Amino acid sequence: MKPINQFAALAALTMLAAPAAAQEDAGTLTKGEVELAKLLEGRVAGEPQSCVRSLPSENINVIDGTALVVGRGKTIYVNVPQYPSSLDDDDVLLVRRFSGSQLCRLDQIETRDRFGGFYSGNVMLNDFVPYTRVEKRSDEG
């Protein structure tokens, strides 16, 4: 996929963060897209990053057919891989890191069936987009 197409796909997913858009298009969104939109409510996208800190104790949340989410709390990082439809939230992720405590766009992620343990595919990562929770000001309702 050309970089401009990746940016367009990422921009389209960023629009999912708007609750009104998610409600209007709820009939056309997949289950995973709706889940991601809910997760991104009240958050603002930052500059894409090629690597994010990811400790072994942190979970990588798989949103079925849509994205991987790393982190929790105020800032989360969303990675929409090259072929998001291959993501299955029933699979187990085996991460081969090349950078220690970071997860990077060149790292290899293999998927395995949670119950049978057999190989089910590979995930090719793109940049990670940080989404930070927006703090409501006290003068806002």
N, C-alpha and C. Protein backbone atom coordinates (compact mmCIF):
# COMPACT_ATOMS: atom_id res chain seq x y z
N MET A 1 0.85 -1.16 0.00
CA MET A 1 0.00 0.00 0.00
C MET A 1 0.90 1.23 0.00
N LYS A 2 0.61 2.20 -0.85
CA LYS A 2 1.40 3.42 -0.92
C LYS A 2 1.20 4.24 0.35
N PRO A 3 2.25 5.03 0.74
CA PRO A 3 2.12 5.83 1.96
C PRO A 3 0.90 6.74 1.97
N ILE A 4 0.55 7.33 0.83
CA ILE A 4 -0.60 8.24 0.80
C ILE A 4 -1.89 7.47 1.09
N ASN A 5 -1.97 6.21 0.60
CA ASN A 5 -3.15 5.39 0.88
C ASN A 5 -3.21 5.00 2.34
N GLN A 6 -2.04 4.75 2.95
CA GLN A 6 -2.01 4.43 4.38
C GLN A 6 -2.49 5.62 5.18
N PHE A 7 -2.07 6.82 4.78
CA PHE A 7 -2.50 8.03 5.48
C PHE A 7 -4.00 8.21 5.34
N ALA A 8 -4.53 7.96 4.14
CA ALA A 8 -5.97 8.10 3.92
C ALA A 8 -6.74 7.10 4.78
N ALA A 9 -6.24 5.87 4.87
CA ALA A 9 -6.91 4.87 5.70
C ALA A 9 -6.85 5.26 7.17
N LEU A 10 -5.71 5.79 7.60
CA LEU A 10 -5.56 6.21 8.99
C LEU A 10 -6.47 7.40 9.28
N ALA A 11 -6.56 8.33 8.34
CA ALA A 11 -7.43 9.49 8.52
C ALA A 11 -8.90 9.05 8.62
N ALA A 12 -9.26 8.05 7.83
CA ALA A 12 -10.63 7.55 7.89
C ALA A 12 -10.93 6.94 9.25
N LEU A 13 -9.97 6.20 9.80
CA LEU A 13 -10.19 5.61 11.13
C LEU A 13 -10.22 6.68 12.20
N THR A 14 -9.44 7.75 12.02
CA THR A 14 -9.44 8.84 12.99
C THR A 14 -10.83 9.46 13.09
N MET A 15 -11.52 9.53 11.96
CA MET A 15 -12.86 10.10 11.96
C MET A 15 -13.83 9.26 12.80
N LEU A 16 -13.49 7.99 13.00
CA LEU A 16 -14.36 7.14 13.82
C LEU A 16 -14.44 7.62 15.25
N ALA A 17 -13.47 8.42 15.66
CA ALA A 17 -13.45 8.90 17.04
C ALA A 17 -14.58 9.87 17.33
N ALA A 18 -15.16 10.44 16.31
CA ALA A 18 -16.26 11.38 16.53
C ALA A 18 -17.52 10.61 16.86
N PRO A 19 -18.04 10.77 18.07
CA PRO A 19 -19.22 10.00 18.48
C PRO A 19 -20.42 10.20 17.57
N ALA A 20 -20.63 11.41 17.11
CA ALA A 20 -21.79 11.67 16.25
C ALA A 20 -21.67 10.87 14.96
N ALA A 21 -20.49 10.85 14.38
CA ALA A 21 -20.28 10.09 13.15
C ALA A 21 -20.49 8.61 13.40
N ALA A 22 -20.04 8.13 14.54
CA ALA A 22 -20.20 6.71 14.87
C ALA A 22 -21.67 6.36 15.01
N GLN A 23 -22.46 7.26 15.60
CA GLN A 23 -23.88 6.99 15.76
C GLN A 23 -24.60 7.02 14.42
N GLU A 24 -24.25 7.98 13.55
CA GLU A 24 -24.90 8.08 12.26
C GLU A 24 -24.60 6.88 11.38
N ASP A 25 -23.33 6.42 11.42
CA ASP A 25 -22.90 5.36 10.53
C ASP A 25 -22.91 3.99 11.20
N ALA A 26 -23.54 3.86 12.35
CA ALA A 26 -23.49 2.61 13.10
C ALA A 26 -23.94 1.42 12.26
N GLY A 27 -24.85 1.64 11.33
CA GLY A 27 -25.32 0.55 10.48
C GLY A 27 -24.28 0.09 9.49
N THR A 28 -23.30 0.93 9.13
CA THR A 28 -22.31 0.56 8.13
C THR A 28 -20.96 0.19 8.73
N LEU A 29 -20.77 0.41 10.01
CA LEU A 29 -19.50 0.10 10.66
C LEU A 29 -19.48 -1.36 11.11
N THR A 30 -18.28 -1.94 11.09
CA THR A 30 -18.13 -3.29 11.61
C THR A 30 -18.15 -3.25 13.13
N LYS A 31 -18.28 -4.41 13.74
CA LYS A 31 -18.26 -4.50 15.21
C LYS A 31 -16.96 -3.93 15.76
N GLY A 32 -15.84 -4.24 15.12
CA GLY A 32 -14.54 -3.73 15.56
C GLY A 32 -14.43 -2.23 15.44
N GLU A 33 -14.95 -1.66 14.34
CA GLU A 33 -14.90 -0.21 14.16
C GLU A 33 -15.74 0.51 15.21
N VAL A 34 -16.87 -0.06 15.56
CA VAL A 34 -17.71 0.53 16.61
C VAL A 34 -16.98 0.47 17.94
N GLU A 35 -16.34 -0.67 18.23
CA GLU A 35 -15.58 -0.82 19.48
C GLU A 35 -14.44 0.20 19.55
N LEU A 36 -13.72 0.38 18.43
CA LEU A 36 -12.63 1.35 18.40
C LEU A 36 -13.15 2.77 18.57
N ALA A 37 -14.26 3.09 17.93
CA ALA A 37 -14.84 4.43 18.06
C ALA A 37 -15.20 4.74 19.51
N LYS A 38 -15.76 3.76 20.21
CA LYS A 38 -16.10 3.96 21.62
C LYS A 38 -14.85 4.16 22.46
N LEU A 39 -13.81 3.39 22.15
CA LEU A 39 -12.55 3.50 22.88
C LEU A 39 -11.89 4.86 22.68
N LEU A 40 -12.10 5.46 21.51
CA LEU A 40 -11.46 6.73 21.18
C LEU A 40 -12.29 7.95 21.57
N GLU A 41 -13.52 7.74 22.05
CA GLU A 41 -14.36 8.87 22.46
C GLU A 41 -13.64 9.69 23.53
N GLY A 42 -13.62 11.01 23.35
CA GLY A 42 -12.99 11.90 24.32
C GLY A 42 -11.48 11.95 24.22
N ARG A 43 -10.93 11.39 23.16
CA ARG A 43 -9.48 11.39 22.96
C ARG A 43 -9.13 12.15 21.69
N VAL A 44 -7.92 12.70 21.67
CA VAL A 44 -7.43 13.46 20.52
C VAL A 44 -6.21 12.76 19.95
N ALA A 45 -6.17 12.61 18.63
CA ALA A 45 -5.04 11.96 17.97
C ALA A 45 -3.81 12.85 17.97
N GLY A 46 -2.65 12.23 18.13
CA GLY A 46 -1.37 12.93 18.07
C GLY A 46 -0.61 12.53 16.82
N GLU A 47 0.67 12.90 16.77
CA GLU A 47 1.52 12.57 15.63
C GLU A 47 1.83 11.06 15.63
N PRO A 48 1.71 10.40 14.48
CA PRO A 48 2.05 8.98 14.40
C PRO A 48 3.51 8.74 14.81
N GLN A 49 3.76 7.60 15.45
CA GLN A 49 5.09 7.23 15.90
C GLN A 49 5.43 5.85 15.37
N SER A 50 6.70 5.65 15.03
CA SER A 50 7.10 4.34 14.50
C SER A 50 7.27 3.30 15.60
N CYS A 51 7.53 3.74 16.84
CA CYS A 51 7.69 2.81 17.97
C CYS A 51 6.96 3.34 19.20
N VAL A 52 6.51 2.42 20.04
CA VAL A 52 5.91 2.78 21.33
C VAL A 52 6.48 1.85 22.39
N ARG A 53 6.54 2.36 23.61
CA ARG A 53 7.00 1.53 24.72
C ARG A 53 5.91 0.51 25.04
N SER A 54 6.32 -0.72 25.16
CA SER A 54 5.37 -1.79 25.46
C SER A 54 6.09 -2.83 26.31
N LEU A 55 5.75 -2.85 27.57
CA LEU A 55 6.36 -3.82 28.48
C LEU A 55 5.63 -5.15 28.39
N PRO A 56 6.32 -6.24 28.69
CA PRO A 56 5.66 -7.55 28.63
C PRO A 56 4.42 -7.65 29.50
N SER A 57 4.37 -6.86 30.57
CA SER A 57 3.21 -6.92 31.46
C SER A 57 2.00 -6.17 30.89
N GLU A 58 2.21 -5.36 29.85
CA GLU A 58 1.10 -4.63 29.24
C GLU A 58 0.43 -5.49 28.18
N ASN A 59 -0.86 -5.43 28.17
CA ASN A 59 -1.61 -6.16 27.15
C ASN A 59 -1.64 -5.38 25.86
N ILE A 60 -1.65 -6.13 24.77
CA ILE A 60 -1.94 -5.55 23.46
C ILE A 60 -3.36 -5.99 23.16
N ASN A 61 -4.26 -5.03 23.12
CA ASN A 61 -5.67 -5.32 22.92
C ASN A 61 -5.95 -5.47 21.42
N VAL A 62 -6.52 -6.59 21.03
CA VAL A 62 -6.88 -6.83 19.64
C VAL A 62 -8.34 -6.46 19.45
N ILE A 63 -8.58 -5.53 18.54
CA ILE A 63 -9.95 -5.18 18.19
C ILE A 63 -10.25 -5.90 16.88
N ASP A 64 -11.13 -6.85 16.96
CA ASP A 64 -11.43 -7.78 15.88
C ASP A 64 -11.57 -7.10 14.52
N GLY A 65 -10.69 -7.50 13.58
CA GLY A 65 -10.76 -7.01 12.21
C GLY A 65 -10.48 -5.54 12.02
N THR A 66 -9.88 -4.88 13.03
CA THR A 66 -9.75 -3.43 12.95
C THR A 66 -8.37 -2.91 13.32
N ALA A 67 -7.91 -3.16 14.54
CA ALA A 67 -6.67 -2.52 15.01
C ALA A 67 -6.12 -3.22 16.24
N LEU A 68 -4.88 -2.84 16.59
CA LEU A 68 -4.24 -3.22 17.84
C LEU A 68 -4.15 -1.98 18.70
N VAL A 69 -4.40 -2.12 20.00
CA VAL A 69 -4.33 -0.98 20.92
C VAL A 69 -3.34 -1.34 22.03
N VAL A 70 -2.36 -0.44 22.23
CA VAL A 70 -1.33 -0.65 23.25
C VAL A 70 -1.48 0.44 24.31
N GLY A 71 -1.38 0.04 25.57
CA GLY A 71 -1.42 1.01 26.66
C GLY A 71 -2.80 1.12 27.26
N ARG A 72 -2.84 1.92 28.32
CA ARG A 72 -4.11 2.17 29.01
C ARG A 72 -3.96 3.50 29.74
N GLY A 73 -5.04 4.00 30.26
CA GLY A 73 -4.97 5.26 30.98
C GLY A 73 -5.15 6.45 30.06
N LYS A 74 -4.38 7.51 30.32
CA LYS A 74 -4.56 8.77 29.61
C LYS A 74 -4.23 8.67 28.11
N THR A 75 -3.16 7.94 27.77
CA THR A 75 -2.76 7.83 26.37
C THR A 75 -2.73 6.37 25.94
N ILE A 76 -3.37 6.10 24.82
CA ILE A 76 -3.31 4.77 24.21
C ILE A 76 -2.76 4.94 22.80
N TYR A 77 -2.21 3.87 22.25
CA TYR A 77 -1.63 3.90 20.91
C TYR A 77 -2.38 2.91 20.05
N VAL A 78 -2.84 3.38 18.89
CA VAL A 78 -3.61 2.54 17.98
C VAL A 78 -2.77 2.25 16.75
N ASN A 79 -2.70 0.98 16.38
CA ASN A 79 -2.00 0.57 15.18
C ASN A 79 -3.00 -0.14 14.28
N VAL A 80 -3.22 0.43 13.11
CA VAL A 80 -4.07 -0.21 12.11
C VAL A 80 -3.12 -0.91 11.15
N PRO A 81 -3.00 -2.24 11.24
CA PRO A 81 -2.04 -2.95 10.40
C PRO A 81 -2.45 -2.92 8.93
N GLN A 82 -1.53 -3.42 8.09
CA GLN A 82 -1.78 -3.38 6.65
C GLN A 82 -3.03 -4.15 6.25
N TYR A 83 -3.30 -5.25 6.90
CA TYR A 83 -4.48 -6.05 6.59
C TYR A 83 -5.27 -6.28 7.88
N PRO A 84 -6.00 -5.26 8.34
CA PRO A 84 -6.68 -5.37 9.63
C PRO A 84 -7.74 -6.47 9.67
N SER A 85 -8.27 -6.85 8.53
CA SER A 85 -9.30 -7.89 8.52
C SER A 85 -8.75 -9.23 9.01
N SER A 86 -7.41 -9.39 9.01
CA SER A 86 -6.81 -10.64 9.48
C SER A 86 -6.72 -10.72 11.00
N LEU A 87 -7.02 -9.60 11.70
CA LEU A 87 -6.98 -9.61 13.17
C LEU A 87 -8.21 -10.31 13.72
N ASP A 88 -7.98 -11.24 14.63
CA ASP A 88 -9.08 -11.97 15.26
C ASP A 88 -8.87 -11.90 16.77
N ASP A 89 -9.85 -11.38 17.48
CA ASP A 89 -9.68 -11.22 18.93
C ASP A 89 -9.66 -12.56 19.67
N ASP A 90 -9.88 -13.66 18.97
CA ASP A 90 -9.73 -14.99 19.57
C ASP A 90 -8.32 -15.54 19.42
N ASP A 91 -7.46 -14.87 18.65
CA ASP A 91 -6.10 -15.32 18.44
C ASP A 91 -5.18 -14.84 19.56
N VAL A 92 -4.07 -15.53 19.72
CA VAL A 92 -3.00 -15.14 20.63
C VAL A 92 -1.90 -14.51 19.79
N LEU A 93 -1.33 -13.39 20.26
CA LEU A 93 -0.27 -12.71 19.53
C LEU A 93 1.09 -13.15 20.05
N LEU A 94 1.98 -13.54 19.15
CA LEU A 94 3.37 -13.84 19.48
C LEU A 94 4.21 -12.74 18.86
N VAL A 95 4.80 -11.90 19.70
CA VAL A 95 5.53 -10.72 19.22
C VAL A 95 7.01 -11.04 19.19
N ARG A 96 7.64 -10.78 18.04
CA ARG A 96 9.10 -10.89 17.90
C ARG A 96 9.63 -9.48 17.83
N ARG A 97 10.20 -9.03 18.95
CA ARG A 97 10.68 -7.65 19.05
C ARG A 97 12.13 -7.55 18.61
N PHE A 98 12.42 -6.45 17.93
CA PHE A 98 13.79 -6.16 17.54
C PHE A 98 14.35 -5.01 18.36
N SER A 99 13.55 -4.48 19.26
CA SER A 99 13.96 -3.26 19.96
C SER A 99 13.68 -3.30 21.46
N GLY A 100 13.85 -4.43 22.09
CA GLY A 100 13.72 -4.51 23.54
C GLY A 100 12.34 -4.23 24.07
N SER A 101 12.19 -3.12 24.80
CA SER A 101 10.91 -2.82 25.45
C SER A 101 9.99 -1.99 24.58
N GLN A 102 10.33 -1.84 23.30
CA GLN A 102 9.47 -1.08 22.39
C GLN A 102 8.83 -2.01 21.37
N LEU A 103 7.67 -1.61 20.91
CA LEU A 103 6.98 -2.29 19.83
C LEU A 103 7.05 -1.34 18.64
N CYS A 104 7.61 -1.81 17.53
CA CYS A 104 7.85 -0.94 16.37
C CYS A 104 7.18 -1.47 15.12
N ARG A 105 7.06 -0.59 14.16
CA ARG A 105 6.38 -0.93 12.92
C ARG A 105 7.04 -2.08 12.18
N LEU A 106 8.30 -2.38 12.42
CA LEU A 106 8.97 -3.48 11.73
C LEU A 106 8.95 -4.79 12.52
N ASP A 107 8.44 -4.75 13.73
CA ASP A 107 8.36 -5.98 14.53
C ASP A 107 7.38 -6.96 13.89
N GLN A 108 7.68 -8.23 14.07
CA GLN A 108 6.83 -9.27 13.50
C GLN A 108 5.87 -9.79 14.57
N ILE A 109 4.63 -9.86 14.21
CA ILE A 109 3.63 -10.43 15.11
C ILE A 109 2.97 -11.60 14.40
N GLU A 110 3.07 -12.75 15.03
CA GLU A 110 2.47 -13.97 14.50
C GLU A 110 1.20 -14.23 15.30
N THR A 111 0.17 -14.68 14.63
CA THR A 111 -1.07 -15.01 15.34
C THR A 111 -1.24 -16.52 15.39
N ARG A 112 -1.74 -16.97 16.53
CA ARG A 112 -2.01 -18.40 16.73
C ARG A 112 -3.41 -18.55 17.31
N ASP A 113 -4.05 -19.63 16.93
CA ASP A 113 -5.38 -19.92 17.46
C ASP A 113 -5.30 -20.14 18.96
N ARG A 114 -6.15 -19.47 19.70
CA ARG A 114 -6.13 -19.53 21.16
C ARG A 114 -6.40 -20.94 21.69
N PHE A 115 -7.20 -21.70 21.01
CA PHE A 115 -7.61 -23.01 21.52
C PHE A 115 -6.78 -24.16 20.96
N GLY A 116 -6.46 -24.12 19.67
CA GLY A 116 -5.69 -25.20 19.06
C GLY A 116 -4.20 -24.94 19.01
N GLY A 117 -3.80 -23.68 19.14
CA GLY A 117 -2.39 -23.32 19.11
C GLY A 117 -1.77 -23.32 17.73
N PHE A 118 -2.56 -23.56 16.69
CA PHE A 118 -1.98 -23.60 15.35
C PHE A 118 -1.82 -22.20 14.77
N TYR A 119 -0.87 -22.08 13.85
CA TYR A 119 -0.56 -20.82 13.18
C TYR A 119 -1.78 -20.32 12.42
N SER A 120 -2.08 -19.02 12.56
CA SER A 120 -3.22 -18.47 11.82
C SER A 120 -2.86 -17.25 10.99
N GLY A 121 -1.63 -16.73 11.11
CA GLY A 121 -1.24 -15.62 10.24
C GLY A 121 -0.17 -14.73 10.84
N ASN A 122 0.16 -13.68 10.09
CA ASN A 122 1.11 -12.66 10.51
C ASN A 122 0.44 -11.31 10.46
N VAL A 123 0.92 -10.40 11.30
CA VAL A 123 0.41 -9.04 11.31
C VAL A 123 1.56 -8.12 10.93
N MET A 124 1.33 -7.26 9.94
CA MET A 124 2.33 -6.29 9.50
C MET A 124 1.92 -4.92 10.02
N LEU A 125 2.70 -4.41 10.97
CA LEU A 125 2.34 -3.17 11.65
C LEU A 125 2.62 -1.93 10.81
N ASN A 126 1.87 -0.89 11.06
CA ASN A 126 2.10 0.45 10.54
C ASN A 126 2.49 1.33 11.72
N ASP A 127 2.51 2.65 11.53
CA ASP A 127 2.82 3.57 12.62
C ASP A 127 1.74 3.49 13.70
N PHE A 128 2.13 3.85 14.91
CA PHE A 128 1.22 3.90 16.05
C PHE A 128 0.73 5.33 16.23
N VAL A 129 -0.57 5.51 16.34
CA VAL A 129 -1.14 6.84 16.54
C VAL A 129 -1.54 6.97 18.00
N PRO A 130 -0.94 7.96 18.71
CA PRO A 130 -1.33 8.15 20.11
C PRO A 130 -2.66 8.88 20.20
N TYR A 131 -3.50 8.44 21.11
CA TYR A 131 -4.77 9.11 21.39
C TYR A 131 -4.76 9.44 22.88
N THR A 132 -4.82 10.74 23.19
CA THR A 132 -4.76 11.20 24.57
C THR A 132 -6.12 11.70 25.00
N ARG A 133 -6.51 11.28 26.20
CA ARG A 133 -7.80 11.70 26.76
C ARG A 133 -7.77 13.21 27.00
N VAL A 134 -8.81 13.88 26.54
CA VAL A 134 -8.93 15.32 26.73
C VAL A 134 -9.56 15.57 28.09
N GLU A 135 -8.88 16.35 28.90
CA GLU A 135 -9.40 16.69 30.22
C GLU A 135 -10.45 17.79 30.07
N LYS A 136 -11.61 17.59 30.67
CA LYS A 136 -12.64 18.63 30.63
C LYS A 136 -12.24 19.75 31.57
N ARG A 137 -12.39 20.97 31.09
CA ARG A 137 -12.12 22.12 31.96
C ARG A 137 -13.27 22.28 32.94
N SER A 138 -12.97 22.88 34.08
CA SER A 138 -14.00 23.03 35.12
C SER A 138 -15.14 23.94 34.71
N ASP A 139 -14.89 24.85 33.73
CA ASP A 139 -15.97 25.74 33.29
C ASP A 139 -16.84 25.10 32.22
N GLU A 140 -16.49 23.86 31.79
CA GLU A 140 -17.33 23.14 30.84
C GLU A 140 -18.33 22.30 31.62
N GLY A 141 -19.53 22.15 31.06
CA GLY A 141 -20.60 21.45 31.73
C GLY A 141 -20.33 20.06 31.98
